[in-house]
Amino acid sequence: MSDVETLRQPGPPAANAVLNAPEAAFKRGLPDVPAHLFARERNLALAPGRPSGLIALDLSAELGLAGPATTPAMLARYVLVRAGEHVAHEFSATGEVHYVIRGQGETESHDVRIVWKAGDVFVLPGAANTCHRASSDSILLCVTDEPLLAMLCVPAPDAAANRAVKPAHFSAASIDAQLDLIHRRTGPQKSAGKAVNFFTSASARVVSLLPAMSAGMNTLEPGGNQRPHRHNAAALTLGIQVEGVHSMVGGQRFDWIAAGVMVTPPLAVHSHHNRGPAMMKSLVLQDGGLYYNLRCPGFSWED
C-alpha cells in the first residue's frame, strides 16, 4: 500500500503485528469492482457444440482475489447440461441460487429433489453434492456466496444442519402470476420497474434468499425508465426479456443480451431503460442481505 506507512515490530510473536497510518480515511488500496457484461461466457454457454459443464463468471484478477469471484461476495456460473447427461458439483457456500435459463430436468442435493423447467428459480443449502440431470439441453445460472466465506475464512455450514438456507422452488408460473398482480394493481408506470423478491421462511426477517444475498425478478414496461439510483450492494443482472433494453452504469452504456449477466458495482449510479416493444424482465441478485441486516443499504435516487 503506497499511501500508508507500514511499521513492523521485530521478533515473534510481534512479527505478525502490523500497524499502518492511512493518509486517506477508509482507503484500503482495494481494486474497484468493475462494471462488466459477461458476453464471452454467455456465448460459450450458448455454443451448440459446448459439452456439459460449468462456466465461471470470474473477475478475480480484476478484484485482486486468489479464488474465483464475480464480485467480492458472489460467484456466478453457467451450468450447461446436455439432454440425457448430468453435471455434479459441491460448492463451499452457504447456499446455491439457481435460475433455469432454458431446458428442463431435475436436481438432487442432499435429501432434496426439484423438478424444474425454464423460468424457474430454486435455492439449495450449500456444502452438499448437487447433481443436475437434463431431459433437454439446459442452461442454468447458479450464484453462490463462496467468495464471502473465503474472505471470512469460515467453512460452509453442513447442508443437513443449515438453519439459514432452506430448499425452495419458485415456479415460473407463480413468479409471472405475482408480477401480473403487481402490474394490474398499480396500473401503468413509466418511471421505475416493478419487482418481486424471493425469500424463504429462514430468511424472511431481512427479505433475503441467502443470509447475505438477495434476489428478485424485475420488470420495466416498454418505454419505461428506471430512475438513476445507487446502493451499497453490488448487483448481478441476468437479462431474460431484453429487446431494446440498455443500462447506464457509471456513465457507461450496456446493451442487454439474452442470458447475459451484467455486474453493477457498489455505489455506482445506474439506471435501466426499455426502448423495446415488450416488457423488460431480469433476475437481479445482490449481496444486499448483509447491508439490510446491518441497517445500511445506502439506497438513494440520483436524478
C-alpha atoms as a PDB file:
ATOM      1  CA  MET A   1       0.000   0.000   0.000  1.00  0.00           C
ATOM      2  CA  SER A   2       1.912   3.011  -1.277  1.00  0.00           C
ATOM      3  CA  ASP A   3      -0.201   5.605   0.539  1.00  0.00           C
ATOM      4  CA  VAL A   4       0.458   4.281   4.058  1.00  0.00           C
ATOM      5  CA  GLU A   5       3.445   3.934   6.282  1.00  0.00           C
ATOM      6  CA  THR A   6       3.766   0.328   7.465  1.00  0.00           C
ATOM      7  CA  LEU A   7       5.611  -0.394  10.703  1.00  0.00           C
ATOM      8  CA  ARG A   8       6.518  -3.946  11.739  1.00  0.00           C
ATOM      9  CA  GLN A   9       7.641  -4.744  15.239  1.00  0.00           C
ATOM     10  CA  PRO A  10      10.644  -7.095  15.338  1.00  0.00           C
ATOM     11  CA  GLY A  11      10.618 -10.625  16.719  1.00  0.00           C
ATOM     12  CA  PRO A  12       7.954 -13.293  17.327  1.00  0.00           C
ATOM     13  CA  PRO A  13       5.089 -13.197  18.130  1.00  0.00           C
ATOM     14  CA  ALA A  14       5.042  -9.489  17.387  1.00  0.00           C
ATOM     15  CA  ALA A  15       6.186 -10.275  13.830  1.00  0.00           C
ATOM     16  CA  ASN A  16       2.523 -10.817  12.929  1.00  0.00           C
ATOM     17  CA  ALA A  17       1.508  -7.379  14.185  1.00  0.00           C
ATOM     18  CA  VAL A  18       1.203  -4.681  11.515  1.00  0.00           C
ATOM     19  CA  LEU A  19       0.415  -1.009  12.097  1.00  0.00           C
ATOM     20  CA  ASN A  20      -0.418   1.493   9.395  1.00  0.00           C
ATOM     21  CA  ALA A  21      -1.272   5.167   9.259  1.00  0.00           C
ATOM     22  CA  PRO A  22      -3.524   5.818   6.237  1.00  0.00           C
ATOM     23  CA  GLU A  23      -3.239   9.162   4.518  1.00  0.00           C
ATOM     24  CA  ALA A  24      -6.833   8.952   3.282  1.00  0.00           C
ATOM     25  CA  ALA A  25      -9.603   7.819   5.648  1.00  0.00           C
ATOM     26  CA  PHE A  26     -11.040   4.383   4.860  1.00  0.00           C
ATOM     27  CA  LYS A  27      -8.776   3.894   1.842  1.00  0.00           C
ATOM     28  CA  ARG A  28      -7.583   0.308   1.792  1.00  0.00           C
ATOM     29  CA  GLY A  29      -5.972   0.063  -1.620  1.00  0.00           C
ATOM     30  CA  LEU A  30      -8.542  -2.486  -2.836  1.00  0.00           C
ATOM     31  CA  PRO A  31      -9.345  -2.653  -6.566  1.00  0.00           C
ATOM     32  CA  ASP A  32     -12.732  -1.292  -7.597  1.00  0.00           C
ATOM     33  CA  VAL A  33     -15.456  -3.689  -8.710  1.00  0.00           C
ATOM     34  CA  PRO A  34     -15.665  -3.159 -12.479  1.00  0.00           C
ATOM     35  CA  ALA A  35     -18.902  -2.681 -14.385  1.00  0.00           C
ATOM     36  CA  HIS A  36     -18.940  -5.640 -16.763  1.00  0.00           C
ATOM     37  CA  LEU A  37     -21.106  -7.632 -19.157  1.00  0.00           C
ATOM     38  CA  PHE A  38     -20.145 -11.313 -19.496  1.00  0.00           C
ATOM     39  CA  ALA A  39     -20.682 -11.634 -23.253  1.00  0.00           C
ATOM     40  CA  ARG A  40     -17.868 -14.153 -23.915  1.00  0.00           C
ATOM     41  CA  GLU A  41     -19.020 -16.551 -21.202  1.00  0.00           C
ATOM     42  CA  ARG A  42     -22.618 -16.233 -22.337  1.00  0.00           C
ATOM     43  CA  ASN A  43     -21.597 -17.080 -25.901  1.00  0.00           C
ATOM     44  CA  LEU A  44     -19.704 -20.141 -24.646  1.00  0.00           C
ATOM     45  CA  ALA A  45     -22.780 -21.330 -22.760  1.00  0.00           C
ATOM     46  CA  LEU A  46     -24.957 -20.931 -25.864  1.00  0.00           C
ATOM     47  CA  ALA A  47     -22.461 -22.533 -28.277  1.00  0.00           C
ATOM     48  CA  PRO A  48     -24.085 -25.593 -29.955  1.00  0.00           C
ATOM     49  CA  GLY A  49     -21.045 -27.866 -29.534  1.00  0.00           C
ATOM     50  CA  ARG A  50     -20.215 -26.927 -25.966  1.00  0.00           C
ATOM     51  CA  PRO A  51     -20.126 -30.021 -23.700  1.00  0.00           C
ATOM     52  CA  SER A  52     -21.895 -30.240 -20.348  1.00  0.00           C
ATOM     53  CA  GLY A  53     -20.072 -28.458 -17.543  1.00  0.00           C
ATOM     54  CA  LEU A  54     -19.593 -25.259 -15.558  1.00  0.00           C
ATOM     55  CA  ILE A  55     -18.564 -21.833 -16.878  1.00  0.00           C
ATOM     56  CA  ALA A  56     -17.457 -19.424 -14.160  1.00  0.00           C
ATOM     57  CA  LEU A  57     -18.113 -15.699 -14.495  1.00  0.00           C
ATOM     58  CA  ASP A  58     -14.785 -14.819 -12.960  1.00  0.00           C
ATOM     59  CA  LEU A  59     -13.389 -11.342 -12.268  1.00  0.00           C
ATOM     60  CA  SER A  60     -10.919 -12.454  -9.591  1.00  0.00           C
ATOM     61  CA  ALA A  61      -7.939 -10.988 -11.471  1.00  0.00           C
ATOM     62  CA  GLU A  62      -9.578  -7.570 -11.645  1.00  0.00           C
ATOM     63  CA  LEU A  63     -10.645  -7.821  -7.990  1.00  0.00           C
ATOM     64  CA  GLY A  64      -7.233  -8.951  -6.751  1.00  0.00           C
ATOM     65  CA  LEU A  65      -8.621 -12.152  -5.236  1.00  0.00           C
ATOM     66  CA  ALA A  66      -6.940 -15.552  -5.057  1.00  0.00           C
ATOM     67  CA  GLY A  67     -10.072 -17.585  -5.814  1.00  0.00           C
ATOM     68  CA  PRO A  68     -12.801 -17.242  -8.459  1.00  0.00           C
ATOM     69  CA  ALA A  69     -15.286 -14.426  -7.836  1.00  0.00           C
ATOM     70  CA  THR A  70     -17.783 -12.373  -9.818  1.00  0.00           C
ATOM     71  CA  THR A  71     -17.943  -9.739  -7.064  1.00  0.00           C
ATOM     72  CA  PRO A  72     -16.155  -9.756  -3.698  1.00  0.00           C
ATOM     73  CA  ALA A  73     -19.107 -11.633  -2.147  1.00  0.00           C
ATOM     74  CA  MET A  74     -20.711 -13.551  -5.050  1.00  0.00           C
ATOM     75  CA  LEU A  75     -19.684 -16.112  -7.647  1.00  0.00           C
ATOM     76  CA  ALA A  76     -21.891 -16.848 -10.657  1.00  0.00           C
ATOM     77  CA  ARG A  77     -21.613 -19.783 -13.044  1.00  0.00           C
ATOM     78  CA  TYR A  78     -23.461 -21.057 -16.060  1.00  0.00           C
ATOM     79  CA  VAL A  79     -24.379 -24.716 -15.630  1.00  0.00           C
ATOM     80  CA  LEU A  80     -24.688 -26.367 -19.051  1.00  0.00           C
ATOM     81  CA  VAL A  81     -26.346 -29.798 -19.109  1.00  0.00           C
ATOM     82  CA  ARG A  82     -26.942 -31.615 -22.373  1.00  0.00           C
ATOM     83  CA  ALA A  83     -30.040 -33.784 -22.820  1.00  0.00           C
ATOM     84  CA  GLY A  84     -29.622 -37.160 -21.107  1.00  0.00           C
ATOM     85  CA  GLU A  85     -26.491 -36.022 -19.235  1.00  0.00           C
ATOM     86  CA  HIS A  86     -25.755 -34.761 -15.749  1.00  0.00           C
ATOM     87  CA  VAL A  87     -23.455 -32.257 -14.038  1.00  0.00           C
ATOM     88  CA  ALA A  88     -22.493 -32.594 -10.372  1.00  0.00           C
ATOM     89  CA  HIS A  89     -20.760 -30.096  -8.105  1.00  0.00           C
ATOM     90  CA  GLU A  90     -20.157 -29.333  -4.427  1.00  0.00           C
ATOM     91  CA  PHE A  91     -19.587 -25.686  -3.515  1.00  0.00           C
ATOM     92  CA  SER A  92     -18.253 -24.341  -0.220  1.00  0.00           C
ATOM     93  CA  ALA A  93     -21.136 -21.908   0.128  1.00  0.00           C
ATOM     94  CA  THR A  94     -23.966 -21.035   2.483  1.00  0.00           C
ATOM     95  CA  GLY A  95     -26.393 -21.754  -0.336  1.00  0.00           C
ATOM     96  CA  GLU A  96     -26.922 -22.011  -4.090  1.00  0.00           C
ATOM     97  CA  VAL A  97     -29.386 -19.860  -6.037  1.00  0.00           C
ATOM     98  CA  HIS A  98     -30.378 -21.274  -9.442  1.00  0.00           C
ATOM     99  CA  TYR A  99     -32.330 -19.818 -12.360  1.00  0.00           C
ATOM    100  CA  VAL A 100     -33.294 -22.020 -15.325  1.00  0.00           C
ATOM    101  CA  ILE A 101     -32.451 -20.072 -18.480  1.00  0.00           C
ATOM    102  CA  ARG A 102     -33.602 -22.845 -20.824  1.00  0.00           C
ATOM    103  CA  GLY A 103     -34.476 -26.530 -20.831  1.00  0.00           C
ATOM    104  CA  GLN A 104     -35.959 -28.865 -18.273  1.00  0.00           C
ATOM    105  CA  GLY A 105     -34.757 -31.522 -15.882  1.00  0.00           C
ATOM    106  CA  GLU A 106     -34.279 -32.258 -12.214  1.00  0.00           C
ATOM    107  CA  THR A 107     -31.769 -31.530  -9.463  1.00  0.00           C
ATOM    108  CA  GLU A 108     -30.922 -33.638  -6.417  1.00  0.00           C
ATOM    109  CA  SER A 109     -28.980 -32.275  -3.458  1.00  0.00           C
ATOM    110  CA  HIS A 110     -28.681 -33.962  -0.058  1.00  0.00           C
ATOM    111  CA  ASP A 111     -32.243 -35.256   0.507  1.00  0.00           C
ATOM    112  CA  VAL A 112     -33.968 -32.768  -1.839  1.00  0.00           C
ATOM    113  CA  ARG A 113     -35.236 -33.355  -5.377  1.00  0.00           C
ATOM    114  CA  ILE A 114     -36.504 -30.475  -7.545  1.00  0.00           C
ATOM    115  CA  VAL A 115     -38.064 -30.893 -10.992  1.00  0.00           C
ATOM    116  CA  TRP A 116     -37.536 -27.720 -12.985  1.00  0.00           C
ATOM    117  CA  LYS A 117     -38.175 -26.031 -16.339  1.00  0.00           C
ATOM    118  CA  ALA A 118     -37.289 -22.745 -17.998  1.00  0.00           C
ATOM    119  CA  GLY A 119     -38.101 -19.700 -15.873  1.00  0.00           C
ATOM    120  CA  ASP A 120     -37.993 -21.485 -12.513  1.00  0.00           C
ATOM    121  CA  VAL A 121     -35.902 -20.295  -9.556  1.00  0.00           C
ATOM    122  CA  PHE A 122     -34.725 -22.622  -6.804  1.00  0.00           C
ATOM    123  CA  VAL A 123     -32.409 -22.380  -3.828  1.00  0.00           C
ATOM    124  CA  LEU A 124     -30.499 -25.129  -2.013  1.00  0.00           C
ATOM    125  CA  PRO A 125     -28.195 -25.254   1.004  1.00  0.00           C
ATOM    126  CA  GLY A 126     -24.530 -25.339   0.029  1.00  0.00           C
ATOM    127  CA  ALA A 127     -21.800 -27.792   1.038  1.00  0.00           C
ATOM    128  CA  ALA A 128     -23.636 -30.760  -0.472  1.00  0.00           C
ATOM    129  CA  ASN A 129     -23.238 -32.775  -3.652  1.00  0.00           C
ATOM    130  CA  THR A 130     -25.659 -31.252  -6.143  1.00  0.00           C
ATOM    131  CA  CYS A 131     -26.486 -33.193  -9.313  1.00  0.00           C
ATOM    132  CA  HIS A 132     -28.386 -31.697 -12.260  1.00  0.00           C
ATOM    133  CA  ARG A 133     -29.939 -34.031 -14.859  1.00  0.00           C
ATOM    134  CA  ALA A 134     -31.482 -32.677 -18.048  1.00  0.00           C
ATOM    135  CA  SER A 135     -34.199 -34.154 -20.250  1.00  0.00           C
ATOM    136  CA  SER A 136     -33.497 -31.474 -22.896  1.00  0.00           C
ATOM    137  CA  ASP A 137     -30.471 -29.255 -23.481  1.00  0.00           C
ATOM    138  CA  SER A 138     -30.458 -26.946 -20.476  1.00  0.00           C
ATOM    139  CA  ILE A 139     -28.643 -23.885 -19.142  1.00  0.00           C
ATOM    140  CA  LEU A 140     -28.917 -22.706 -15.561  1.00  0.00           C
ATOM    141  CA  LEU A 141     -27.353 -19.752 -13.785  1.00  0.00           C
ATOM    142  CA  CYS A 142     -26.005 -20.661 -10.351  1.00  0.00           C
ATOM    143  CA  VAL A 143     -24.915 -17.963  -7.878  1.00  0.00           C
ATOM    144  CA  THR A 144     -23.266 -18.623  -4.502  1.00  0.00           C
ATOM    145  CA  ASP A 145     -21.560 -16.708  -1.706  1.00  0.00           C
ATOM    146  CA  GLU A 146     -18.277 -18.657  -1.930  1.00  0.00           C
ATOM    147  CA  PRO A 147     -16.065 -15.528  -2.125  1.00  0.00           C
ATOM    148  CA  LEU A 148     -17.636 -14.146   1.051  1.00  0.00           C
ATOM    149  CA  LEU A 149     -16.923 -17.326   3.031  1.00  0.00           C
ATOM    150  CA  ALA A 150     -13.389 -17.408   1.633  1.00  0.00           C
ATOM    151  CA  MET A 151     -12.829 -13.823   2.784  1.00  0.00           C
ATOM    152  CA  LEU A 152     -14.158 -14.644   6.267  1.00  0.00           C
ATOM    153  CA  CYS A 153     -12.065 -17.855   6.390  1.00  0.00           C
ATOM    154  CA  VAL A 154     -15.093 -19.832   7.585  1.00  0.00           C
ATOM    155  CA  PRO A 155     -16.334 -23.215   6.369  1.00  0.00           C
ATOM    156  CA  ALA A 156     -19.737 -23.612   4.785  1.00  0.00           C
ATOM    157  CA  PRO A 157     -22.419 -24.929   7.162  1.00  0.00           C
ATOM    158  CA  ASP A 158     -23.264 -28.589   6.746  1.00  0.00           C
ATOM    159  CA  ALA A 159     -26.282 -28.948   4.468  1.00  0.00           C
ATOM    160  CA  ALA A 160     -28.188 -31.134   6.951  1.00  0.00           C
ATOM    161  CA  ALA A 161     -27.727 -28.641   9.792  1.00  0.00           C
ATOM    162  CA  ASN A 162     -28.066 -25.421   7.766  1.00  0.00           C
ATOM    163  CA  ARG A 163     -30.690 -23.306   9.527  1.00  0.00           C
ATOM    164  CA  ALA A 164     -30.084 -20.216   7.409  1.00  0.00           C
ATOM    165  CA  VAL A 165     -30.970 -21.659   3.991  1.00  0.00           C
ATOM    166  CA  LYS A 166     -33.995 -23.838   3.334  1.00  0.00           C
ATOM    167  CA  PRO A 167     -34.669 -25.558  -0.020  1.00  0.00           C
ATOM    168  CA  ALA A 168     -37.261 -23.642  -2.021  1.00  0.00           C
ATOM    169  CA  HIS A 169     -38.678 -23.848  -5.535  1.00  0.00           C
ATOM    170  CA  PHE A 170     -40.339 -20.869  -7.240  1.00  0.00           C
ATOM    171  CA  SER A 171     -42.088 -21.939 -10.443  1.00  0.00           C
ATOM    172  CA  ALA A 172     -42.090 -19.675 -13.482  1.00  0.00           C
ATOM    173  CA  ALA A 173     -45.897 -19.691 -13.392  1.00  0.00           C
ATOM    174  CA  SER A 174     -46.046 -18.466  -9.779  1.00  0.00           C
ATOM    175  CA  ILE A 175     -43.463 -15.741 -10.447  1.00  0.00           C
ATOM    176  CA  ASP A 176     -45.297 -14.488 -13.531  1.00  0.00           C
ATOM    177  CA  ALA A 177     -48.654 -14.577 -11.708  1.00  0.00           C
ATOM    178  CA  GLN A 178     -47.262 -12.397  -8.915  1.00  0.00           C
ATOM    179  CA  LEU A 179     -45.756  -9.940 -11.400  1.00  0.00           C
ATOM    180  CA  ASP A 180     -49.081  -9.794 -13.236  1.00  0.00           C
ATOM    181  CA  LEU A 181     -50.864  -8.944  -9.979  1.00  0.00           C
ATOM    182  CA  ILE A 182     -48.424  -6.103  -9.348  1.00  0.00           C
ATOM    183  CA  HIS A 183     -48.941  -4.631 -12.803  1.00  0.00           C
ATOM    184  CA  ARG A 184     -52.732  -4.925 -12.667  1.00  0.00           C
ATOM    185  CA  ARG A 185     -52.896  -3.478  -9.143  1.00  0.00           C
ATOM    186  CA  THR A 186     -50.666  -0.472  -9.731  1.00  0.00           C
ATOM    187  CA  GLY A 187     -51.557   0.306 -13.337  1.00  0.00           C
ATOM    188  CA  PRO A 188     -49.275   1.826 -15.976  1.00  0.00           C
ATOM    189  CA  GLN A 189     -45.956   3.100 -14.700  1.00  0.00           C
ATOM    190  CA  LYS A 190     -43.198   4.598 -16.800  1.00  0.00           C
ATOM    191  CA  SER A 191     -40.676   5.792 -14.233  1.00  0.00           C
ATOM    192  CA  ALA A 192     -39.471   2.630 -12.467  1.00  0.00           C
ATOM    193  CA  GLY A 193     -39.528  -1.132 -12.614  1.00  0.00           C
ATOM    194  CA  LYS A 194     -41.874  -3.417 -10.711  1.00  0.00           C
ATOM    195  CA  ALA A 195     -40.363  -6.434  -8.995  1.00  0.00           C
ATOM    196  CA  VAL A 196     -40.980  -9.412  -6.725  1.00  0.00           C
ATOM    197  CA  ASN A 197     -38.412 -10.543  -4.171  1.00  0.00           C
ATOM    198  CA  PHE A 198     -37.565 -14.145  -3.326  1.00  0.00           C
ATOM    199  CA  PHE A 199     -37.091 -15.314   0.249  1.00  0.00           C
ATOM    200  CA  THR A 200     -37.843 -18.323   2.443  1.00  0.00           C
ATOM    201  CA  SER A 201     -39.094 -18.929   5.977  1.00  0.00           C
ATOM    202  CA  ALA A 202     -35.457 -18.979   7.113  1.00  0.00           C
ATOM    203  CA  SER A 203     -34.685 -15.509   5.744  1.00  0.00           C
ATOM    204  CA  ALA A 204     -37.997 -13.637   5.901  1.00  0.00           C
ATOM    205  CA  ARG A 205     -36.795 -11.143   8.514  1.00  0.00           C
ATOM    206  CA  VAL A 206     -34.460  -9.413   6.062  1.00  0.00           C
ATOM    207  CA  VAL A 207     -36.373 -10.451   2.904  1.00  0.00           C
ATOM    208  CA  SER A 208     -33.274 -12.167   1.554  1.00  0.00           C
ATOM    209  CA  LEU A 209     -32.766 -15.521  -0.128  1.00  0.00           C
ATOM    210  CA  LEU A 210     -29.375 -16.277   1.437  1.00  0.00           C
ATOM    211  CA  PRO A 211     -28.201 -14.557   4.621  1.00  0.00           C
ATOM    212  CA  ALA A 212     -26.011 -12.169   2.611  1.00  0.00           C
ATOM    213  CA  MET A 213     -27.660 -12.396  -0.822  1.00  0.00           C
ATOM    214  CA  SER A 214     -30.992 -11.056  -2.027  1.00  0.00           C
ATOM    215  CA  ALA A 215     -32.732 -11.968  -5.272  1.00  0.00           C
ATOM    216  CA  GLY A 216     -35.671 -10.589  -7.199  1.00  0.00           C
ATOM    217  CA  MET A 217     -37.380 -10.603 -10.575  1.00  0.00           C
ATOM    218  CA  ASN A 218     -37.520  -7.100 -12.035  1.00  0.00           C
ATOM    219  CA  THR A 219     -39.644  -5.736 -14.886  1.00  0.00           C
ATOM    220  CA  LEU A 220     -39.942  -2.476 -16.774  1.00  0.00           C
ATOM    221  CA  GLU A 221     -42.689  -1.543 -19.216  1.00  0.00           C
ATOM    222  CA  PRO A 222     -41.994  -0.586 -22.857  1.00  0.00           C
ATOM    223  CA  GLY A 223     -40.821   2.984 -22.978  1.00  0.00           C
ATOM    224  CA  GLY A 224     -40.035   2.941 -19.270  1.00  0.00           C
ATOM    225  CA  ASN A 225     -37.005   4.336 -17.489  1.00  0.00           C
ATOM    226  CA  GLN A 226     -35.851   3.197 -14.085  1.00  0.00           C
ATOM    227  CA  ARG A 227     -34.655   6.283 -12.236  1.00  0.00           C
ATOM    228  CA  PRO A 228     -30.897   6.646 -11.675  1.00  0.00           C
ATOM    229  CA  HIS A 229     -30.002   5.328  -8.246  1.00  0.00           C
ATOM    230  CA  ARG A 230     -27.216   3.767  -6.200  1.00  0.00           C
ATOM    231  CA  HIS A 231     -26.822   1.326  -3.307  1.00  0.00           C
ATOM    232  CA  ASN A 232     -24.071  -0.258  -1.246  1.00  0.00           C
ATOM    233  CA  ALA A 233     -24.657  -3.737  -2.638  1.00  0.00           C
ATOM    234  CA  ALA A 234     -23.061  -5.000  -5.830  1.00  0.00           C
ATOM    235  CA  ALA A 235     -25.628  -6.409  -8.267  1.00  0.00           C
ATOM    236  CA  LEU A 236     -25.701  -9.161 -10.860  1.00  0.00           C
ATOM    237  CA  THR A 237     -28.411  -8.724 -13.502  1.00  0.00           C
ATOM    238  CA  LEU A 238     -29.392 -11.619 -15.769  1.00  0.00           C
ATOM    239  CA  GLY A 239     -31.191 -10.410 -18.891  1.00  0.00           C
ATOM    240  CA  ILE A 240     -34.286 -12.522 -19.640  1.00  0.00           C
ATOM    241  CA  GLN A 241     -36.506 -10.329 -21.865  1.00  0.00           C
ATOM    242  CA  VAL A 242     -34.027  -7.878 -23.322  1.00  0.00           C
ATOM    243  CA  GLU A 243     -35.099  -6.500 -26.722  1.00  0.00           C
ATOM    244  CA  GLY A 244     -34.341  -2.775 -26.859  1.00  0.00           C
ATOM    245  CA  VAL A 245     -33.136  -2.657 -23.244  1.00  0.00           C
ATOM    246  CA  HIS A 246     -29.974  -0.929 -22.050  1.00  0.00           C
ATOM    247  CA  SER A 247     -28.459   0.259 -18.788  1.00  0.00           C
ATOM    248  CA  MET A 248     -26.312   3.221 -17.870  1.00  0.00           C
ATOM    249  CA  VAL A 249     -23.750   2.280 -15.206  1.00  0.00           C
ATOM    250  CA  GLY A 250     -21.373   4.965 -14.021  1.00  0.00           C
ATOM    251  CA  GLY A 251     -21.849   6.828 -17.299  1.00  0.00           C
ATOM    252  CA  GLN A 252     -21.154   3.706 -19.408  1.00  0.00           C
ATOM    253  CA  ARG A 253     -23.859   2.198 -21.638  1.00  0.00           C
ATOM    254  CA  PHE A 254     -24.514  -1.558 -21.639  1.00  0.00           C
ATOM    255  CA  ASP A 255     -26.904  -3.001 -24.232  1.00  0.00           C
ATOM    256  CA  TRP A 256     -28.531  -6.087 -22.759  1.00  0.00           C
ATOM    257  CA  ILE A 257     -28.111  -9.504 -24.350  1.00  0.00           C
ATOM    258  CA  ALA A 258     -30.350 -12.504 -23.710  1.00  0.00           C
ATOM    259  CA  ALA A 259     -28.914 -14.745 -20.964  1.00  0.00           C
ATOM    260  CA  GLY A 260     -26.101 -12.248 -20.369  1.00  0.00           C
ATOM    261  CA  VAL A 261     -25.049 -11.238 -16.854  1.00  0.00           C
ATOM    262  CA  MET A 262     -24.115  -7.646 -16.032  1.00  0.00           C
ATOM    263  CA  VAL A 263     -22.187  -6.501 -12.946  1.00  0.00           C
ATOM    264  CA  THR A 264     -23.236  -3.226 -11.329  1.00  0.00           C
ATOM    265  CA  PRO A 265     -20.522  -2.099  -8.887  1.00  0.00           C
ATOM    266  CA  PRO A 266     -21.404  -0.992  -5.364  1.00  0.00           C
ATOM    267  CA  LEU A 267     -22.251   2.726  -5.116  1.00  0.00           C
ATOM    268  CA  ALA A 268     -22.270   3.120  -8.920  1.00  0.00           C
ATOM    269  CA  VAL A 269     -25.066   5.353 -10.211  1.00  0.00           C
ATOM    270  CA  HIS A 270     -27.107   3.259 -12.633  1.00  0.00           C
ATOM    271  CA  SER A 271     -30.425   3.234 -14.473  1.00  0.00           C
ATOM    272  CA  HIS A 272     -32.296   0.883 -16.824  1.00  0.00           C
ATOM    273  CA  HIS A 273     -34.169   1.851 -19.994  1.00  0.00           C
ATOM    274  CA  ASN A 274     -36.643  -0.127 -22.105  1.00  0.00           C
ATOM    275  CA  ARG A 275     -36.962   1.011 -25.706  1.00  0.00           C
ATOM    276  CA  GLY A 276     -38.252  -2.342 -26.930  1.00  0.00           C
ATOM    277  CA  PRO A 277     -41.798  -3.459 -27.780  1.00  0.00           C
ATOM    278  CA  ALA A 278     -42.245  -5.828 -24.809  1.00  0.00           C
ATOM    279  CA  MET A 279     -41.836  -5.895 -21.053  1.00  0.00           C
ATOM    280  CA  MET A 280     -38.250  -5.968 -19.779  1.00  0.00           C
ATOM    281  CA  LYS A 281     -37.586  -8.856 -17.410  1.00  0.00           C
ATOM    282  CA  SER A 282     -34.456  -9.620 -15.420  1.00  0.00           C
ATOM    283  CA  LEU A 283     -33.242 -11.614 -12.444  1.00  0.00           C
ATOM    284  CA  VAL A 284     -31.271  -9.411 -10.026  1.00  0.00           C
ATOM    285  CA  LEU A 285     -29.016 -10.798  -7.295  1.00  0.00           C
ATOM    286  CA  GLN A 286     -27.278  -8.563  -4.764  1.00  0.00           C
ATOM    287  CA  ASP A 287     -25.094  -9.048  -1.708  1.00  0.00           C
ATOM    288  CA  GLY A 288     -27.719  -6.818  -0.096  1.00  0.00           C
ATOM    289  CA  GLY A 289     -28.761  -9.180   2.688  1.00  0.00           C
ATOM    290  CA  LEU A 290     -25.640  -8.159   4.589  1.00  0.00           C
ATOM    291  CA  TYR A 291     -26.424  -4.448   4.276  1.00  0.00           C
ATOM    292  CA  TYR A 292     -30.102  -4.894   5.141  1.00  0.00           C
ATOM    293  CA  ASN A 293     -29.167  -6.712   8.337  1.00  0.00           C
ATOM    294  CA  LEU A 294     -26.639  -4.010   9.269  1.00  0.00           C
ATOM    295  CA  ARG A 295     -29.242  -1.289   8.512  1.00  0.00           C
ATOM    296  CA  CYS A 296     -27.050   0.395   5.919  1.00  0.00           C
ATOM    297  CA  PRO A 297     -28.418  -0.357   2.410  1.00  0.00           C
ATOM    298  CA  GLY A 298     -27.193   3.032   1.217  1.00  0.00           C
ATOM    299  CA  PHE A 299     -30.003   3.404  -1.350  1.00  0.00           C
ATOM    300  CA  SER A 300     -30.643   6.805  -2.904  1.00  0.00           C
ATOM    301  CA  TRP A 301     -32.209   8.210  -6.053  1.00  0.00           C
ATOM    302  CA  GLU A 302     -29.714  10.255  -8.041  1.00  0.00           C
ATOM    303  CA  ASP A 303     -31.844  12.222 -10.519  1.00  0.00           C
END
